[in-house]
Amino acid sequence: MNISALQARLRRFAADRDWQPYQTPKNLAMAMTVEAAELLEIFQWLTPEQSLALDDDQRRHLGEELSDVLLYLLQIADHTGVDLEAAVERKLAMNAIKHPPLTRS
C-alpha cells in the first residue's frame, strides 16, 4: 500500500466534492471514531470464538468498516503533516523496548 498515493487520492476525492472546509483534523477524528464504533458493533454480541469465525458477509462488512477507519486515519495524518510510516516505525521500536520478548526457560 502506497500511503502517499492513497493520501493524494483522498485529497482529490475531497476536492472534487468541495469537502476541504470540513476536512479538519477535529472533524476527521470525530468521523473516525464513529467508524470505529461501527467496527465494534460487528463484534458486539459475538463470543470470542464467533469473532474468530466470521462468515463471508460479516468479513465483507468488517473490511468496509476497517477501510473507513484507515481512510480517516490517513486523512488525519495528511492534514496534520504526520509522516505515518515514520511514526509507526518509531512506535514499534518504543513498544519493543516497553514490552520485551518473554524469556522461556
C-alpha atoms as a PDB file:
ATOM      1  CA  MET A   1       0.000   0.000   0.000  1.00  0.00           C
ATOM      2  CA  ASN A   2       1.423   3.354  -1.039  1.00  0.00           C
ATOM      3  CA  ILE A   3       0.335   5.697   1.750  1.00  0.00           C
ATOM      4  CA  SER A   4       1.342   8.917  -0.038  1.00  0.00           C
ATOM      5  CA  ALA A   5      -0.532   7.939  -3.197  1.00  0.00           C
ATOM      6  CA  LEU A   6      -3.601   6.991  -1.191  1.00  0.00           C
ATOM      7  CA  GLN A   7      -3.498  10.310   0.667  1.00  0.00           C
ATOM      8  CA  ALA A   8      -3.281  12.124  -2.679  1.00  0.00           C
ATOM      9  CA  ARG A   9      -6.335  10.194  -3.920  1.00  0.00           C
ATOM     10  CA  LEU A  10      -8.230  11.147  -0.776  1.00  0.00           C
ATOM     11  CA  ARG A  11      -7.284  14.835  -1.240  1.00  0.00           C
ATOM     12  CA  ARG A  12      -8.538  14.728  -4.844  1.00  0.00           C
ATOM     13  CA  PHE A  13     -11.736  12.949  -3.787  1.00  0.00           C
ATOM     14  CA  ALA A  14     -12.444  15.652  -1.190  1.00  0.00           C
ATOM     15  CA  ALA A  15     -11.520  18.486  -3.578  1.00  0.00           C
ATOM     16  CA  ASP A  16     -13.826  17.126  -6.291  1.00  0.00           C
ATOM     17  CA  ARG A  17     -16.698  17.402  -3.803  1.00  0.00           C
ATOM     18  CA  ASP A  18     -15.653  20.710  -2.184  1.00  0.00           C
ATOM     19  CA  TRP A  19     -15.248  18.970   1.169  1.00  0.00           C
ATOM     20  CA  GLN A  20     -11.995  20.722   2.128  1.00  0.00           C
ATOM     21  CA  PRO A  21     -13.645  23.173   4.575  1.00  0.00           C
ATOM     22  CA  TYR A  22     -14.950  20.208   6.569  1.00  0.00           C
ATOM     23  CA  GLN A  23     -11.782  18.132   6.413  1.00  0.00           C
ATOM     24  CA  THR A  24     -10.231  19.447   9.633  1.00  0.00           C
ATOM     25  CA  PRO A  25      -8.279  17.159  11.962  1.00  0.00           C
ATOM     26  CA  LYS A  26     -11.023  17.537  14.594  1.00  0.00           C
ATOM     27  CA  ASN A  27     -13.821  16.590  12.200  1.00  0.00           C
ATOM     28  CA  LEU A  28     -11.827  13.739  10.705  1.00  0.00           C
ATOM     29  CA  ALA A  29     -11.014  12.355  14.173  1.00  0.00           C
ATOM     30  CA  MET A  30     -14.679  12.547  15.133  1.00  0.00           C
ATOM     31  CA  ALA A  31     -15.688  10.755  11.925  1.00  0.00           C
ATOM     32  CA  MET A  32     -13.031   8.090  12.513  1.00  0.00           C
ATOM     33  CA  THR A  33     -14.413   7.499  15.994  1.00  0.00           C
ATOM     34  CA  VAL A  34     -17.902   6.963  14.577  1.00  0.00           C
ATOM     35  CA  GLU A  35     -16.484   4.452  12.095  1.00  0.00           C
ATOM     36  CA  ALA A  36     -14.549   2.710  14.887  1.00  0.00           C
ATOM     37  CA  ALA A  37     -17.836   2.335  16.770  1.00  0.00           C
ATOM     38  CA  GLU A  38     -19.378   0.764  13.666  1.00  0.00           C
ATOM     39  CA  LEU A  39     -16.415  -1.615  13.592  1.00  0.00           C
ATOM     40  CA  LEU A  40     -17.031  -2.520  17.219  1.00  0.00           C
ATOM     41  CA  GLU A  41     -20.718  -3.098  16.502  1.00  0.00           C
ATOM     42  CA  ILE A  42     -19.820  -6.058  14.267  1.00  0.00           C
ATOM     43  CA  PHE A  43     -18.376  -7.881  17.281  1.00  0.00           C
ATOM     44  CA  GLN A  44     -20.700  -6.503  19.961  1.00  0.00           C
ATOM     45  CA  TRP A  45     -22.657  -9.639  20.863  1.00  0.00           C
ATOM     46  CA  LEU A  46     -20.329 -12.302  19.496  1.00  0.00           C
ATOM     47  CA  THR A  47     -18.468 -14.737  21.681  1.00  0.00           C
ATOM     48  CA  PRO A  48     -14.672 -14.745  21.332  1.00  0.00           C
ATOM     49  CA  GLU A  49     -14.985 -17.908  19.239  1.00  0.00           C
ATOM     50  CA  GLN A  50     -17.627 -16.383  16.961  1.00  0.00           C
ATOM     51  CA  SER A  51     -15.482 -13.285  16.463  1.00  0.00           C
ATOM     52  CA  LEU A  52     -12.750 -15.532  15.040  1.00  0.00           C
ATOM     53  CA  ALA A  53     -15.113 -17.321  12.644  1.00  0.00           C
ATOM     54  CA  LEU A  54     -16.924 -14.607  10.691  1.00  0.00           C
ATOM     55  CA  ASP A  55     -18.923 -15.632   7.653  1.00  0.00           C
ATOM     56  CA  ASP A  56     -18.314 -14.065   4.234  1.00  0.00           C
ATOM     57  CA  ASP A  57     -20.910 -11.292   4.692  1.00  0.00           C
ATOM     58  CA  GLN A  58     -19.544 -10.385   8.123  1.00  0.00           C
ATOM     59  CA  ARG A  59     -15.984 -10.376   6.782  1.00  0.00           C
ATOM     60  CA  ARG A  60     -17.017  -8.114   3.873  1.00  0.00           C
ATOM     61  CA  HIS A  61     -18.720  -5.736   6.312  1.00  0.00           C
ATOM     62  CA  LEU A  62     -15.649  -5.847   8.564  1.00  0.00           C
ATOM     63  CA  GLY A  63     -13.439  -4.935   5.604  1.00  0.00           C
ATOM     64  CA  GLU A  64     -15.650  -1.947   4.816  1.00  0.00           C
ATOM     65  CA  GLU A  65     -15.509  -0.640   8.383  1.00  0.00           C
ATOM     66  CA  LEU A  66     -11.750  -1.250   8.677  1.00  0.00           C
ATOM     67  CA  SER A  67     -11.314   0.673   5.424  1.00  0.00           C
ATOM     68  CA  ASP A  68     -13.376   3.590   6.721  1.00  0.00           C
ATOM     69  CA  VAL A  69     -11.227   3.808   9.861  1.00  0.00           C
ATOM     70  CA  LEU A  70      -8.000   3.562   7.845  1.00  0.00           C
ATOM     71  CA  LEU A  71      -9.062   6.200   5.324  1.00  0.00           C
ATOM     72  CA  TYR A  72      -9.931   8.696   8.047  1.00  0.00           C
ATOM     73  CA  LEU A  73      -6.664   7.905   9.849  1.00  0.00           C
ATOM     74  CA  LEU A  74      -4.692   8.570   6.660  1.00  0.00           C
ATOM     75  CA  GLN A  75      -6.511  11.868   6.166  1.00  0.00           C
ATOM     76  CA  ILE A  76      -5.788  12.972   9.744  1.00  0.00           C
ATOM     77  CA  ALA A  77      -2.096  12.230   9.252  1.00  0.00           C
ATOM     78  CA  ASP A  78      -2.108  14.058   5.909  1.00  0.00           C
ATOM     79  CA  HIS A  79      -3.845  17.168   7.246  1.00  0.00           C
ATOM     80  CA  THR A  80      -1.557  17.394  10.287  1.00  0.00           C
ATOM     81  CA  GLY A  81       1.708  16.675   8.470  1.00  0.00           C
ATOM     82  CA  VAL A  82       2.417  13.457  10.360  1.00  0.00           C
ATOM     83  CA  ASP A  83       4.673  11.041   8.481  1.00  0.00           C
ATOM     84  CA  LEU A  84       2.656   7.962   9.333  1.00  0.00           C
ATOM     85  CA  GLU A  85       5.284   5.471   8.169  1.00  0.00           C
ATOM     86  CA  ALA A  86       7.932   7.082  10.377  1.00  0.00           C
ATOM     87  CA  ALA A  87       5.502   7.347  13.289  1.00  0.00           C
ATOM     88  CA  VAL A  88       4.624   3.652  13.018  1.00  0.00           C
ATOM     89  CA  GLU A  89       8.283   2.609  12.923  1.00  0.00           C
ATOM     90  CA  ARG A  90       9.037   4.821  15.935  1.00  0.00           C
ATOM     91  CA  LYS A  91       6.065   3.410  17.865  1.00  0.00           C
ATOM     92  CA  LEU A  92       7.005  -0.201  17.080  1.00  0.00           C
ATOM     93  CA  ALA A  93      10.531   0.462  18.351  1.00  0.00           C
ATOM     94  CA  MET A  94       9.142   2.046  21.529  1.00  0.00           C
ATOM     95  CA  ASN A  95       6.791  -0.909  22.059  1.00  0.00           C
ATOM     96  CA  ALA A  96       9.668  -3.363  21.650  1.00  0.00           C
ATOM     97  CA  ILE A  97      11.528  -1.609  24.471  1.00  0.00           C
ATOM     98  CA  LYS A  98       8.456  -1.252  26.682  1.00  0.00           C
ATOM     99  CA  HIS A  99       7.355  -4.863  26.104  1.00  0.00           C
ATOM    100  CA  PRO A 100      10.431  -7.057  25.666  1.00  0.00           C
ATOM    101  CA  PRO A 101      10.003 -10.662  24.494  1.00  0.00           C
ATOM    102  CA  LEU A 102       9.225 -13.256  27.108  1.00  0.00           C
ATOM    103  CA  THR A 103      12.162 -15.338  28.223  1.00  0.00           C
ATOM    104  CA  ARG A 104      11.408 -19.017  28.131  1.00  0.00           C
ATOM    105  CA  SER A 105      13.151 -21.442  30.431  1.00  0.00           C
END
